């Protein structure tokens, strides 16, 4: 291969690289971003939730987001006026930078002991028997960031939250039931409630009632 052929081959390779970089590295990215913003704007902007428990795109001038519907948040341990999420093994709990599970098997003594302790603690907090505590209340998700709880666990917390906020339990129960998300595609998973959206909606109702 002479020098001229080598230069021509190199020039062709360089042009191909530039074209593919523009097409796949820039054009493809911009196209997907544009489609996301047009078709799924809420999801594309982080699935943000505002202080009223409503979805917000986080655009300038819009409502200030308080969190993401995709990432759970832990209330203070003594905050009896809020719904509690599942346990979390992500850092100190629901740390997005430390997403992980405990990686302990179902027969691991440490996990069995932790579940028993959580069940006893939740039973005391909610004023119920240990048998009434749902499984998701005592087990963490694989990511440690699960923002949802089961409907039974949400309803279990209704009397305590209603008493702490000084409102009727039926009103809190109605809000919970209005926030139930059904199975994905009608058959995947179980009905669930987003804890962040539920707590922020309750806070908004409290502010309106003052």
N, C-alpha and C. Protein backbone atom coordinates (compact mmCIF):
# COMPACT_ATOMS: atom_id res chain seq x y z
N UNK A 1 0.86 -1.19 0.00
CA UNK A 1 0.00 0.00 0.00
C UNK A 1 0.89 1.24 0.00
N UNK A 2 0.73 2.10 -1.04
CA UNK A 2 1.56 3.30 -1.11
C UNK A 2 0.99 4.38 -0.21
N UNK A 3 1.74 5.49 -0.14
CA UNK A 3 1.37 6.59 0.76
C UNK A 3 0.02 7.19 0.38
N UNK A 4 -0.22 7.37 -0.95
CA UNK A 4 -1.48 7.98 -1.38
C UNK A 4 -2.67 7.13 -0.96
N UNK A 5 -2.56 5.85 -1.13
CA UNK A 5 -3.65 4.95 -0.74
C UNK A 5 -3.88 4.99 0.77
N UNK A 6 -2.77 5.06 1.52
CA UNK A 6 -2.89 5.12 2.98
C UNK A 6 -3.59 6.38 3.43
N UNK A 7 -3.24 7.52 2.80
CA UNK A 7 -3.87 8.80 3.14
C UNK A 7 -5.35 8.77 2.80
N UNK A 8 -5.69 8.21 1.60
CA UNK A 8 -7.09 8.15 1.18
C UNK A 8 -7.90 7.28 2.14
N UNK A 9 -7.32 6.12 2.50
CA UNK A 9 -8.02 5.22 3.42
C UNK A 9 -8.22 5.88 4.79
N UNK A 10 -7.18 6.59 5.25
CA UNK A 10 -7.30 7.28 6.53
C UNK A 10 -8.34 8.37 6.49
N UNK A 11 -8.41 9.11 5.35
CA UNK A 11 -9.39 10.18 5.22
C UNK A 11 -10.81 9.62 5.22
N UNK A 12 -11.00 8.50 4.53
CA UNK A 12 -12.33 7.86 4.52
C UNK A 12 -12.72 7.42 5.93
N UNK A 13 -11.78 6.81 6.64
CA UNK A 13 -12.06 6.35 8.00
C UNK A 13 -12.39 7.53 8.91
N UNK A 14 -11.66 8.66 8.74
CA UNK A 14 -11.90 9.84 9.57
C UNK A 14 -13.29 10.41 9.29
N UNK A 15 -13.66 10.50 8.00
CA UNK A 15 -14.98 11.02 7.65
C UNK A 15 -16.08 10.12 8.19
N UNK A 16 -15.86 8.82 8.09
CA UNK A 16 -16.86 7.87 8.61
C UNK A 16 -17.02 8.04 10.12
N UNK A 17 -15.89 8.24 10.81
CA UNK A 17 -15.96 8.42 12.25
C UNK A 17 -16.71 9.69 12.61
N UNK A 18 -16.44 10.79 11.89
CA UNK A 18 -17.11 12.06 12.17
C UNK A 18 -18.61 11.97 11.90
N UNK A 19 -18.96 11.33 10.77
CA UNK A 19 -20.38 11.20 10.43
C UNK A 19 -21.11 10.35 11.47
N UNK A 20 -20.52 9.23 11.85
CA UNK A 20 -21.16 8.35 12.82
C UNK A 20 -21.23 9.00 14.20
N UNK A 21 -20.20 9.79 14.55
CA UNK A 21 -20.22 10.50 15.82
C UNK A 21 -21.37 11.50 15.86
N UNK A 22 -21.52 12.26 14.77
CA UNK A 22 -22.61 13.23 14.70
C UNK A 22 -23.97 12.53 14.68
N UNK A 23 -24.05 11.44 13.92
CA UNK A 23 -25.32 10.75 13.78
C UNK A 23 -25.74 10.02 15.06
N UNK A 24 -24.82 9.22 15.62
CA UNK A 24 -25.16 8.39 16.76
C UNK A 24 -24.88 9.08 18.10
N UNK A 25 -23.81 9.86 18.16
CA UNK A 25 -23.45 10.50 19.42
C UNK A 25 -24.24 11.77 19.70
N UNK A 26 -24.61 12.51 18.64
CA UNK A 26 -25.32 13.77 18.81
C UNK A 26 -26.78 13.64 18.35
N UNK A 27 -26.97 13.26 17.09
CA UNK A 27 -28.33 13.19 16.56
C UNK A 27 -29.22 12.23 17.30
N UNK A 28 -28.73 11.02 17.57
CA UNK A 28 -29.52 10.01 18.27
C UNK A 28 -29.89 10.49 19.67
N UNK A 29 -28.91 11.08 20.36
CA UNK A 29 -29.16 11.58 21.72
C UNK A 29 -30.20 12.69 21.72
N UNK A 30 -30.07 13.64 20.78
CA UNK A 30 -31.03 14.73 20.70
C UNK A 30 -32.43 14.23 20.34
N UNK A 31 -32.48 13.24 19.45
CA UNK A 31 -33.78 12.70 19.04
C UNK A 31 -34.49 12.03 20.22
N UNK A 32 -33.76 11.21 20.97
CA UNK A 32 -34.37 10.54 22.11
C UNK A 32 -34.76 11.54 23.19
N UNK A 33 -33.91 12.56 23.40
CA UNK A 33 -34.25 13.59 24.39
C UNK A 33 -35.51 14.32 23.98
N UNK A 34 -35.60 14.67 22.70
CA UNK A 34 -36.78 15.37 22.21
C UNK A 34 -38.04 14.54 22.33
N UNK A 35 -37.95 13.25 21.97
CA UNK A 35 -39.10 12.36 22.09
C UNK A 35 -39.53 12.23 23.55
N UNK A 36 -38.54 12.10 24.44
CA UNK A 36 -38.84 11.98 25.86
C UNK A 36 -39.55 13.20 26.40
N UNK A 37 -39.07 14.40 26.00
CA UNK A 37 -39.68 15.64 26.48
C UNK A 37 -41.08 15.83 25.93
N UNK A 38 -41.33 15.35 24.72
CA UNK A 38 -42.65 15.51 24.11
C UNK A 38 -43.66 14.47 24.59
N UNK A 39 -43.22 13.22 24.69
CA UNK A 39 -44.14 12.12 24.98
C UNK A 39 -44.19 11.80 26.48
N UNK A 40 -43.03 11.83 27.15
CA UNK A 40 -42.98 11.50 28.57
C UNK A 40 -42.25 12.60 29.35
N UNK A 41 -42.76 13.83 29.36
CA UNK A 41 -42.03 14.93 30.00
C UNK A 41 -41.79 14.74 31.48
N UNK A 42 -42.78 14.17 32.22
CA UNK A 42 -42.61 14.00 33.66
C UNK A 42 -41.51 12.99 33.96
N UNK A 43 -41.55 11.84 33.27
CA UNK A 43 -40.53 10.81 33.50
C UNK A 43 -39.15 11.29 33.05
N UNK A 44 -39.10 12.03 31.93
CA UNK A 44 -37.81 12.47 31.39
C UNK A 44 -37.14 13.50 32.30
N UNK A 45 -37.91 14.17 33.14
CA UNK A 45 -37.35 15.17 34.03
C UNK A 45 -37.20 14.68 35.47
N UNK A 46 -37.15 13.37 35.65
CA UNK A 46 -36.84 12.82 36.96
C UNK A 46 -38.03 12.40 37.79
N UNK A 47 -39.23 12.38 37.21
CA UNK A 47 -40.44 11.96 37.94
C UNK A 47 -40.58 12.73 39.24
N UNK A 48 -40.50 14.06 39.14
CA UNK A 48 -40.47 14.91 40.33
C UNK A 48 -41.88 15.14 40.89
N UNK A 49 -41.93 15.30 42.22
CA UNK A 49 -43.17 15.54 42.95
C UNK A 49 -43.04 16.86 43.70
N UNK A 50 -44.11 17.69 43.66
CA UNK A 50 -44.04 18.97 44.35
C UNK A 50 -44.62 18.85 45.76
N UNK A 51 -44.66 19.97 46.48
CA UNK A 51 -45.08 19.96 47.88
C UNK A 51 -46.54 19.63 48.06
N UNK A 52 -47.33 19.63 47.00
CA UNK A 52 -48.74 19.27 47.07
C UNK A 52 -48.98 17.80 46.73
N UNK A 53 -47.90 17.07 46.49
CA UNK A 53 -48.03 15.67 46.15
C UNK A 53 -48.39 15.45 44.70
N UNK A 54 -48.22 16.48 43.88
CA UNK A 54 -48.56 16.38 42.46
C UNK A 54 -47.29 16.29 41.62
N UNK A 55 -47.44 15.77 40.43
CA UNK A 55 -46.30 15.64 39.53
C UNK A 55 -45.93 16.99 38.95
N UNK A 56 -44.63 17.28 38.91
CA UNK A 56 -44.15 18.53 38.34
C UNK A 56 -42.96 18.24 37.43
N UNK A 57 -42.87 18.99 36.35
CA UNK A 57 -41.76 18.79 35.44
C UNK A 57 -40.47 19.43 35.90
N UNK A 58 -40.55 20.25 36.95
CA UNK A 58 -39.36 20.91 37.44
C UNK A 58 -38.87 22.03 36.56
N UNK A 59 -39.79 22.58 35.74
CA UNK A 59 -39.39 23.67 34.85
C UNK A 59 -39.27 24.97 35.61
N UNK A 60 -38.43 25.93 35.14
CA UNK A 60 -38.32 27.24 35.78
C UNK A 60 -39.70 27.90 35.88
N UNK A 61 -40.00 28.43 37.08
CA UNK A 61 -41.28 29.08 37.29
C UNK A 61 -42.36 28.12 37.75
N UNK A 62 -42.09 26.82 37.70
CA UNK A 62 -43.06 25.84 38.15
C UNK A 62 -42.93 25.60 39.65
N UNK A 63 -43.74 24.66 40.14
CA UNK A 63 -43.68 24.33 41.56
C UNK A 63 -42.33 23.70 41.89
N UNK A 64 -41.80 24.06 43.05
CA UNK A 64 -40.51 23.53 43.49
C UNK A 64 -40.66 22.05 43.85
N UNK A 65 -39.87 21.17 43.24
CA UNK A 65 -39.98 19.74 43.57
C UNK A 65 -39.41 19.46 44.96
N UNK A 66 -40.01 18.48 45.64
CA UNK A 66 -39.53 18.09 46.96
C UNK A 66 -38.89 16.71 46.93
N UNK A 67 -38.96 16.04 45.79
CA UNK A 67 -38.37 14.72 45.67
C UNK A 67 -38.79 14.05 44.39
N UNK A 68 -38.33 12.84 44.21
CA UNK A 68 -38.68 12.05 43.03
C UNK A 68 -39.60 10.91 43.44
N UNK A 69 -40.60 10.66 42.61
CA UNK A 69 -41.53 9.56 42.87
C UNK A 69 -40.85 8.21 42.71
N UNK A 70 -39.61 8.19 42.22
CA UNK A 70 -38.88 6.95 42.00
C UNK A 70 -38.00 6.57 43.18
N UNK A 71 -37.81 7.50 44.13
CA UNK A 71 -36.90 7.28 45.25
C UNK A 71 -37.63 7.55 46.56
N UNK A 72 -37.66 6.56 47.44
CA UNK A 72 -38.33 6.73 48.72
C UNK A 72 -37.59 7.68 49.64
N UNK A 73 -38.29 8.14 50.65
CA UNK A 73 -37.71 9.02 51.65
C UNK A 73 -38.11 8.54 53.03
N UNK A 74 -37.18 8.61 53.97
CA UNK A 74 -37.46 8.19 55.34
C UNK A 74 -37.86 9.40 56.18
N UNK A 75 -39.03 9.38 56.82
CA UNK A 75 -39.34 10.45 57.77
C UNK A 75 -38.55 10.25 59.05
N UNK A 76 -38.58 11.23 59.93
CA UNK A 76 -37.90 11.07 61.22
C UNK A 76 -38.54 9.92 61.99
N UNK A 77 -37.74 9.25 62.81
CA UNK A 77 -38.24 8.08 63.53
C UNK A 77 -39.42 8.41 64.44
N UNK A 78 -39.44 9.64 64.97
CA UNK A 78 -40.52 10.03 65.88
C UNK A 78 -41.65 10.77 65.18
N UNK A 79 -41.64 10.78 63.84
CA UNK A 79 -42.68 11.46 63.07
C UNK A 79 -43.86 10.52 62.87
N UNK A 80 -44.78 10.53 63.81
CA UNK A 80 -45.93 9.64 63.74
C UNK A 80 -47.01 10.16 62.80
N UNK A 81 -46.83 11.36 62.26
CA UNK A 81 -47.84 11.93 61.38
C UNK A 81 -47.61 11.59 59.91
N UNK A 82 -46.57 10.83 59.62
CA UNK A 82 -46.23 10.49 58.24
C UNK A 82 -46.32 8.98 58.01
N UNK A 83 -46.56 8.61 56.78
CA UNK A 83 -46.50 7.20 56.40
C UNK A 83 -45.05 6.79 56.24
N UNK A 84 -44.74 5.60 56.70
CA UNK A 84 -43.38 5.09 56.62
C UNK A 84 -43.24 4.17 55.39
N UNK A 85 -42.09 4.22 54.73
CA UNK A 85 -41.82 3.32 53.60
C UNK A 85 -41.29 1.98 54.09
N UNK A 86 -40.85 1.18 53.16
CA UNK A 86 -40.21 -0.08 53.51
C UNK A 86 -38.84 0.18 54.14
N UNK A 87 -38.26 -0.81 54.81
CA UNK A 87 -36.87 -0.66 55.27
C UNK A 87 -35.96 -0.48 54.06
N UNK A 88 -34.77 0.05 54.29
CA UNK A 88 -33.84 0.28 53.19
C UNK A 88 -32.42 -0.07 53.63
N UNK A 89 -31.70 -0.76 52.73
CA UNK A 89 -30.30 -1.09 52.98
C UNK A 89 -29.36 -0.20 52.19
N UNK A 90 -29.90 0.87 51.61
CA UNK A 90 -29.09 1.80 50.82
C UNK A 90 -28.48 2.86 51.72
N UNK A 91 -27.22 2.69 52.06
CA UNK A 91 -26.55 3.63 52.96
C UNK A 91 -27.24 3.66 54.30
N UNK A 92 -27.54 4.88 54.79
CA UNK A 92 -28.29 5.04 56.03
C UNK A 92 -29.79 4.93 55.80
N UNK A 93 -30.17 4.60 54.58
CA UNK A 93 -31.57 4.47 54.22
C UNK A 93 -31.95 5.39 53.09
N UNK A 94 -32.32 4.80 51.95
CA UNK A 94 -32.77 5.55 50.78
C UNK A 94 -31.74 6.57 50.29
N UNK A 95 -30.47 6.18 50.33
CA UNK A 95 -29.39 7.02 49.80
C UNK A 95 -29.19 6.66 48.33
N UNK A 96 -29.54 7.58 47.39
CA UNK A 96 -29.43 7.25 45.96
C UNK A 96 -28.02 6.90 45.52
N UNK A 97 -27.02 7.39 46.24
CA UNK A 97 -25.64 7.10 45.86
C UNK A 97 -25.16 5.75 46.37
N UNK A 98 -26.00 5.07 47.17
CA UNK A 98 -25.60 3.78 47.74
C UNK A 98 -26.69 2.74 47.52
N UNK A 99 -27.30 2.76 46.34
CA UNK A 99 -28.39 1.84 46.07
C UNK A 99 -27.92 0.39 46.18
N UNK A 100 -28.59 -0.38 47.04
CA UNK A 100 -28.21 -1.78 47.22
C UNK A 100 -29.22 -2.46 48.13
N UNK A 101 -29.18 -3.79 48.11
CA UNK A 101 -29.94 -4.58 49.06
C UNK A 101 -28.99 -5.14 50.10
N UNK A 102 -29.53 -5.89 51.04
CA UNK A 102 -28.67 -6.46 52.09
C UNK A 102 -27.89 -7.67 51.59
N UNK A 103 -28.38 -8.30 50.48
CA UNK A 103 -27.77 -9.50 49.92
C UNK A 103 -27.74 -10.67 50.91
N UNK A 104 -28.66 -10.66 51.88
CA UNK A 104 -28.76 -11.75 52.83
C UNK A 104 -29.86 -12.71 52.39
N UNK A 105 -29.58 -14.00 52.45
CA UNK A 105 -30.56 -15.00 52.05
C UNK A 105 -31.68 -15.12 53.06
N UNK A 106 -32.81 -15.74 52.66
CA UNK A 106 -33.97 -15.82 53.54
C UNK A 106 -33.75 -16.62 54.82
N UNK A 107 -32.74 -17.48 54.84
CA UNK A 107 -32.46 -18.26 56.05
C UNK A 107 -31.29 -17.69 56.85
N UNK A 108 -30.75 -16.56 56.39
CA UNK A 108 -29.62 -15.96 57.11
C UNK A 108 -30.07 -15.51 58.50
N UNK A 109 -29.39 -15.92 59.56
CA UNK A 109 -29.82 -15.56 60.92
C UNK A 109 -29.90 -14.06 61.14
N UNK A 110 -28.98 -13.32 60.54
CA UNK A 110 -29.00 -11.86 60.70
C UNK A 110 -30.27 -11.26 60.12
N UNK A 111 -30.66 -11.74 58.93
CA UNK A 111 -31.89 -11.24 58.30
C UNK A 111 -33.12 -11.65 59.08
N UNK A 112 -33.16 -12.91 59.53
CA UNK A 112 -34.30 -13.39 60.31
C UNK A 112 -34.46 -12.56 61.58
N UNK A 113 -33.35 -12.25 62.24
CA UNK A 113 -33.39 -11.45 63.47
C UNK A 113 -33.84 -10.03 63.17
N UNK A 114 -33.35 -9.45 62.05
CA UNK A 114 -33.73 -8.09 61.69
C UNK A 114 -35.23 -7.99 61.38
N UNK A 115 -35.74 -8.99 60.66
CA UNK A 115 -37.17 -9.00 60.32
C UNK A 115 -38.02 -9.11 61.58
N UNK A 116 -37.61 -9.96 62.50
CA UNK A 116 -38.36 -10.12 63.75
C UNK A 116 -38.37 -8.82 64.55
N UNK A 117 -37.22 -8.13 64.58
CA UNK A 117 -37.14 -6.86 65.31
C UNK A 117 -38.01 -5.79 64.65
N UNK A 118 -37.97 -5.74 63.31
CA UNK A 118 -38.80 -4.76 62.61
C UNK A 118 -40.28 -5.02 62.83
N UNK A 119 -40.67 -6.30 62.77
CA UNK A 119 -42.08 -6.65 62.95
C UNK A 119 -42.56 -6.23 64.34
N UNK A 120 -41.74 -6.49 65.35
CA UNK A 120 -42.12 -6.11 66.71
C UNK A 120 -42.23 -4.60 66.85
N UNK A 121 -41.28 -3.88 66.26
CA UNK A 121 -41.28 -2.42 66.35
C UNK A 121 -42.51 -1.82 65.64
N UNK A 122 -42.82 -2.32 64.46
CA UNK A 122 -43.96 -1.79 63.70
C UNK A 122 -45.27 -2.12 64.41
N UNK A 123 -45.36 -3.32 64.99
CA UNK A 123 -46.57 -3.70 65.71
C UNK A 123 -46.83 -2.75 66.87
N UNK A 124 -45.78 -2.38 67.60
CA UNK A 124 -45.93 -1.42 68.70
C UNK A 124 -46.30 -0.04 68.17
N UNK A 125 -45.63 0.39 67.11
CA UNK A 125 -45.88 1.73 66.55
C UNK A 125 -47.31 1.86 66.05
N UNK A 126 -47.82 0.82 65.39
CA UNK A 126 -49.16 0.89 64.80
C UNK A 126 -50.25 0.38 65.73
N UNK A 127 -49.88 -0.19 66.86
CA UNK A 127 -50.87 -0.68 67.80
C UNK A 127 -51.62 -1.90 67.31
N UNK A 128 -50.90 -2.83 66.66
CA UNK A 128 -51.52 -4.04 66.13
C UNK A 128 -50.71 -5.25 66.56
N UNK A 129 -51.23 -6.43 66.28
CA UNK A 129 -50.47 -7.65 66.57
C UNK A 129 -49.37 -7.83 65.52
N UNK A 130 -48.36 -8.58 65.85
CA UNK A 130 -47.26 -8.81 64.91
C UNK A 130 -47.75 -9.55 63.66
N UNK A 131 -48.77 -10.38 63.81
CA UNK A 131 -49.30 -11.12 62.67
C UNK A 131 -49.95 -10.21 61.64
N UNK A 132 -50.33 -9.00 62.04
CA UNK A 132 -51.01 -8.08 61.12
C UNK A 132 -50.03 -7.25 60.29
N UNK A 133 -48.73 -7.37 60.56
CA UNK A 133 -47.73 -6.57 59.84
C UNK A 133 -47.43 -7.23 58.50
N UNK A 134 -47.64 -6.51 57.38
CA UNK A 134 -47.40 -7.10 56.04
C UNK A 134 -45.92 -7.37 55.79
N UNK A 135 -45.65 -8.23 54.84
CA UNK A 135 -44.27 -8.62 54.54
C UNK A 135 -43.43 -7.45 54.06
N UNK A 136 -44.01 -6.54 53.23
CA UNK A 136 -43.20 -5.45 52.69
C UNK A 136 -42.82 -4.43 53.77
N UNK A 137 -43.49 -4.48 54.92
CA UNK A 137 -43.16 -3.56 56.00
C UNK A 137 -41.86 -3.94 56.70
N UNK A 138 -41.44 -5.18 56.55
CA UNK A 138 -40.26 -5.66 57.28
C UNK A 138 -39.13 -6.11 56.36
N UNK A 139 -39.35 -6.06 55.04
CA UNK A 139 -38.31 -6.48 54.10
C UNK A 139 -37.94 -5.32 53.17
N UNK A 140 -36.66 -5.17 52.90
CA UNK A 140 -36.19 -4.11 52.01
C UNK A 140 -36.22 -4.60 50.56
N UNK A 141 -36.28 -3.67 49.64
CA UNK A 141 -36.23 -4.02 48.22
C UNK A 141 -34.79 -4.25 47.79
N UNK A 142 -34.62 -4.78 46.60
CA UNK A 142 -33.27 -5.04 46.09
C UNK A 142 -32.47 -3.77 45.88
N UNK A 143 -33.14 -2.68 45.52
CA UNK A 143 -32.43 -1.42 45.28
C UNK A 143 -32.25 -0.61 46.55
N UNK A 144 -33.12 -0.85 47.54
CA UNK A 144 -33.09 -0.03 48.75
C UNK A 144 -33.72 1.33 48.55
N UNK A 145 -34.31 1.57 47.39
CA UNK A 145 -34.87 2.88 47.06
C UNK A 145 -36.36 2.81 46.74
N UNK A 146 -37.00 1.67 46.95
CA UNK A 146 -38.40 1.47 46.56
C UNK A 146 -39.28 2.57 47.15
N UNK A 147 -39.96 3.36 46.30
CA UNK A 147 -40.78 4.46 46.81
C UNK A 147 -42.19 4.05 47.21
N UNK A 148 -42.56 2.80 46.95
CA UNK A 148 -43.95 2.37 47.13
C UNK A 148 -44.09 1.37 48.28
N UNK A 149 -45.29 1.32 48.84
CA UNK A 149 -45.65 0.29 49.81
C UNK A 149 -46.95 -0.35 49.35
N UNK A 150 -47.23 -1.53 49.88
CA UNK A 150 -48.47 -2.21 49.52
C UNK A 150 -49.66 -1.48 50.13
N UNK A 151 -50.83 -1.71 49.55
CA UNK A 151 -52.05 -1.11 50.10
C UNK A 151 -52.31 -1.58 51.53
N UNK A 152 -52.13 -2.88 51.86
CA UNK A 152 -52.32 -3.29 53.25
C UNK A 152 -51.41 -2.55 54.23
N UNK A 153 -50.15 -2.31 53.85
CA UNK A 153 -49.25 -1.59 54.75
C UNK A 153 -49.67 -0.13 54.89
N UNK A 154 -50.13 0.47 53.80
CA UNK A 154 -50.60 1.85 53.88
C UNK A 154 -51.83 1.95 54.78
N UNK A 155 -52.78 1.04 54.61
CA UNK A 155 -54.00 1.08 55.42
C UNK A 155 -53.70 0.78 56.88
N UNK A 156 -52.69 -0.03 57.14
CA UNK A 156 -52.30 -0.33 58.52
C UNK A 156 -51.87 0.94 59.26
N UNK A 157 -51.28 1.89 58.53
CA UNK A 157 -50.76 3.10 59.14
C UNK A 157 -51.79 4.22 59.27
N UNK A 158 -52.96 4.03 58.67
CA UNK A 158 -53.98 5.09 58.65
C UNK A 158 -54.38 5.56 60.05
N UNK A 159 -54.76 4.68 60.99
CA UNK A 159 -55.19 5.17 62.31
C UNK A 159 -54.13 6.01 63.02
N UNK A 160 -52.87 5.58 62.96
CA UNK A 160 -51.81 6.33 63.63
C UNK A 160 -51.59 7.69 63.00
N UNK A 161 -51.57 7.76 61.67
CA UNK A 161 -51.39 9.04 60.98
C UNK A 161 -52.56 9.97 61.25
N UNK A 162 -53.78 9.44 61.21
CA UNK A 162 -54.97 10.27 61.45
C UNK A 162 -54.95 10.85 62.86
N UNK A 163 -54.59 10.03 63.84
CA UNK A 163 -54.55 10.51 65.22
C UNK A 163 -53.47 11.58 65.40
N UNK A 164 -52.30 11.36 64.80
CA UNK A 164 -51.21 12.33 64.94
C UNK A 164 -51.55 13.66 64.29
N UNK A 165 -52.31 13.63 63.20
CA UNK A 165 -52.66 14.86 62.49
C UNK A 165 -53.99 15.46 62.98
N UNK A 166 -54.70 14.73 63.81
CA UNK A 166 -55.96 15.24 64.33
C UNK A 166 -57.05 15.32 63.29
N UNK A 167 -57.09 14.36 62.37
CA UNK A 167 -58.12 14.33 61.34
C UNK A 167 -58.80 12.97 61.35
N UNK A 168 -59.93 12.88 60.67
CA UNK A 168 -60.69 11.64 60.67
C UNK A 168 -59.95 10.54 59.92
N UNK A 169 -59.98 9.34 60.48
CA UNK A 169 -59.32 8.21 59.83
C UNK A 169 -59.94 7.92 58.47
N UNK A 170 -61.25 8.14 58.34
CA UNK A 170 -61.91 7.89 57.05
C UNK A 170 -61.37 8.82 55.97
N UNK A 171 -61.01 10.07 56.35
CA UNK A 171 -60.46 11.02 55.37
C UNK A 171 -59.08 10.57 54.92
N UNK A 172 -58.28 10.09 55.86
CA UNK A 172 -56.94 9.61 55.50
C UNK A 172 -57.05 8.35 54.65
N UNK A 173 -57.96 7.47 55.01
CA UNK A 173 -58.15 6.24 54.24
C UNK A 173 -58.60 6.55 52.82
N UNK A 174 -59.49 7.53 52.68
CA UNK A 174 -59.96 7.91 51.35
C UNK A 174 -58.81 8.46 50.51
N UNK A 175 -57.91 9.22 51.14
CA UNK A 175 -56.77 9.76 50.40
C UNK A 175 -55.84 8.63 49.96
N UNK A 176 -55.63 7.67 50.85
CA UNK A 176 -54.79 6.52 50.50
C UNK A 176 -55.38 5.78 49.30
N UNK A 177 -56.66 5.50 49.37
CA UNK A 177 -57.30 4.74 48.30
C UNK A 177 -57.32 5.50 46.99
N UNK A 178 -57.34 6.84 47.06
CA UNK A 178 -57.31 7.63 45.83
C UNK A 178 -55.94 7.64 45.19
N UNK A 179 -54.92 7.22 45.96
CA UNK A 179 -53.54 7.25 45.47
C UNK A 179 -53.04 5.87 45.07
N UNK A 180 -53.90 4.88 45.07
CA UNK A 180 -53.48 3.52 44.73
C UNK A 180 -53.12 3.44 43.25
N UNK A 181 -51.97 2.87 42.96
CA UNK A 181 -51.54 2.62 41.59
C UNK A 181 -51.75 1.13 41.30
N UNK A 182 -52.49 0.84 40.25
CA UNK A 182 -52.82 -0.54 39.93
C UNK A 182 -51.63 -1.28 39.32
N UNK A 183 -51.81 -2.58 39.12
CA UNK A 183 -50.75 -3.41 38.54
C UNK A 183 -50.32 -2.87 37.18
N UNK A 184 -49.03 -2.92 36.90
CA UNK A 184 -48.52 -2.49 35.60
C UNK A 184 -49.08 -3.41 34.51
N UNK A 185 -49.59 -2.80 33.46
CA UNK A 185 -50.19 -3.52 32.33
C UNK A 185 -51.35 -4.41 32.76
N UNK A 186 -51.84 -4.15 33.97
CA UNK A 186 -53.00 -4.90 34.44
C UNK A 186 -52.71 -6.23 35.11
N UNK A 187 -51.46 -6.71 35.04
CA UNK A 187 -51.16 -8.02 35.63
C UNK A 187 -49.79 -8.12 36.28
N UNK A 188 -48.93 -7.13 36.12
CA UNK A 188 -47.59 -7.18 36.71
C UNK A 188 -47.56 -6.51 38.07
N UNK A 189 -47.00 -7.20 39.07
CA UNK A 189 -46.87 -6.61 40.38
C UNK A 189 -48.18 -6.61 41.15
N UNK A 190 -48.23 -5.77 42.19
CA UNK A 190 -49.39 -5.65 43.05
C UNK A 190 -49.80 -4.18 43.16
N UNK A 191 -51.05 -3.91 43.52
CA UNK A 191 -51.45 -2.52 43.76
C UNK A 191 -50.54 -1.90 44.82
N UNK A 192 -50.20 -0.65 44.67
CA UNK A 192 -49.22 -0.02 45.54
C UNK A 192 -49.55 1.46 45.74
N UNK A 193 -48.89 2.05 46.73
CA UNK A 193 -49.09 3.46 47.05
C UNK A 193 -47.73 4.12 47.16
N UNK A 194 -47.56 5.26 46.49
CA UNK A 194 -46.30 6.00 46.55
C UNK A 194 -46.26 6.82 47.84
N UNK A 195 -45.28 6.56 48.70
CA UNK A 195 -45.23 7.16 50.03
C UNK A 195 -44.98 8.66 49.96
N UNK A 196 -44.08 9.09 49.09
CA UNK A 196 -43.77 10.52 48.98
C UNK A 196 -45.00 11.30 48.52
N UNK A 197 -45.68 10.81 47.49
CA UNK A 197 -46.87 11.50 47.00
C UNK A 197 -47.95 11.54 48.07
N UNK A 198 -48.08 10.46 48.83
CA UNK A 198 -49.10 10.40 49.88
C UNK A 198 -48.80 11.38 51.01
N UNK A 199 -47.56 11.40 51.49
CA UNK A 199 -47.21 12.30 52.59
C UNK A 199 -47.30 13.77 52.18
N UNK A 200 -46.86 14.10 50.97
CA UNK A 200 -46.93 15.50 50.54
C UNK A 200 -48.38 15.93 50.32
N UNK A 201 -49.23 15.00 49.85
CA UNK A 201 -50.65 15.34 49.69
C UNK A 201 -51.30 15.59 51.05
N UNK A 202 -50.93 14.81 52.05
CA UNK A 202 -51.43 15.04 53.41
C UNK A 202 -50.97 16.39 53.95
N UNK A 203 -49.69 16.71 53.74
CA UNK A 203 -49.16 18.00 54.19
C UNK A 203 -49.90 19.16 53.52
N UNK A 204 -50.21 19.00 52.25
CA UNK A 204 -50.93 20.06 51.52
C UNK A 204 -52.33 20.23 52.07
N UNK A 205 -53.00 19.13 52.42
CA UNK A 205 -54.33 19.22 53.01
C UNK A 205 -54.27 19.92 54.37
N UNK A 206 -53.23 19.63 55.14
CA UNK A 206 -53.07 20.30 56.44
C UNK A 206 -52.91 21.80 56.26
N UNK A 207 -52.11 22.19 55.27
CA UNK A 207 -51.90 23.63 55.05
C UNK A 207 -53.19 24.32 54.62
N UNK A 208 -53.97 23.64 53.79
CA UNK A 208 -55.23 24.22 53.32
C UNK A 208 -56.26 24.34 54.46
N UNK A 209 -56.16 23.43 55.44
CA UNK A 209 -57.13 23.44 56.52
C UNK A 209 -56.83 24.43 57.64
N UNK A 210 -55.66 25.04 57.58
CA UNK A 210 -55.29 25.98 58.63
C UNK A 210 -55.90 27.35 58.37
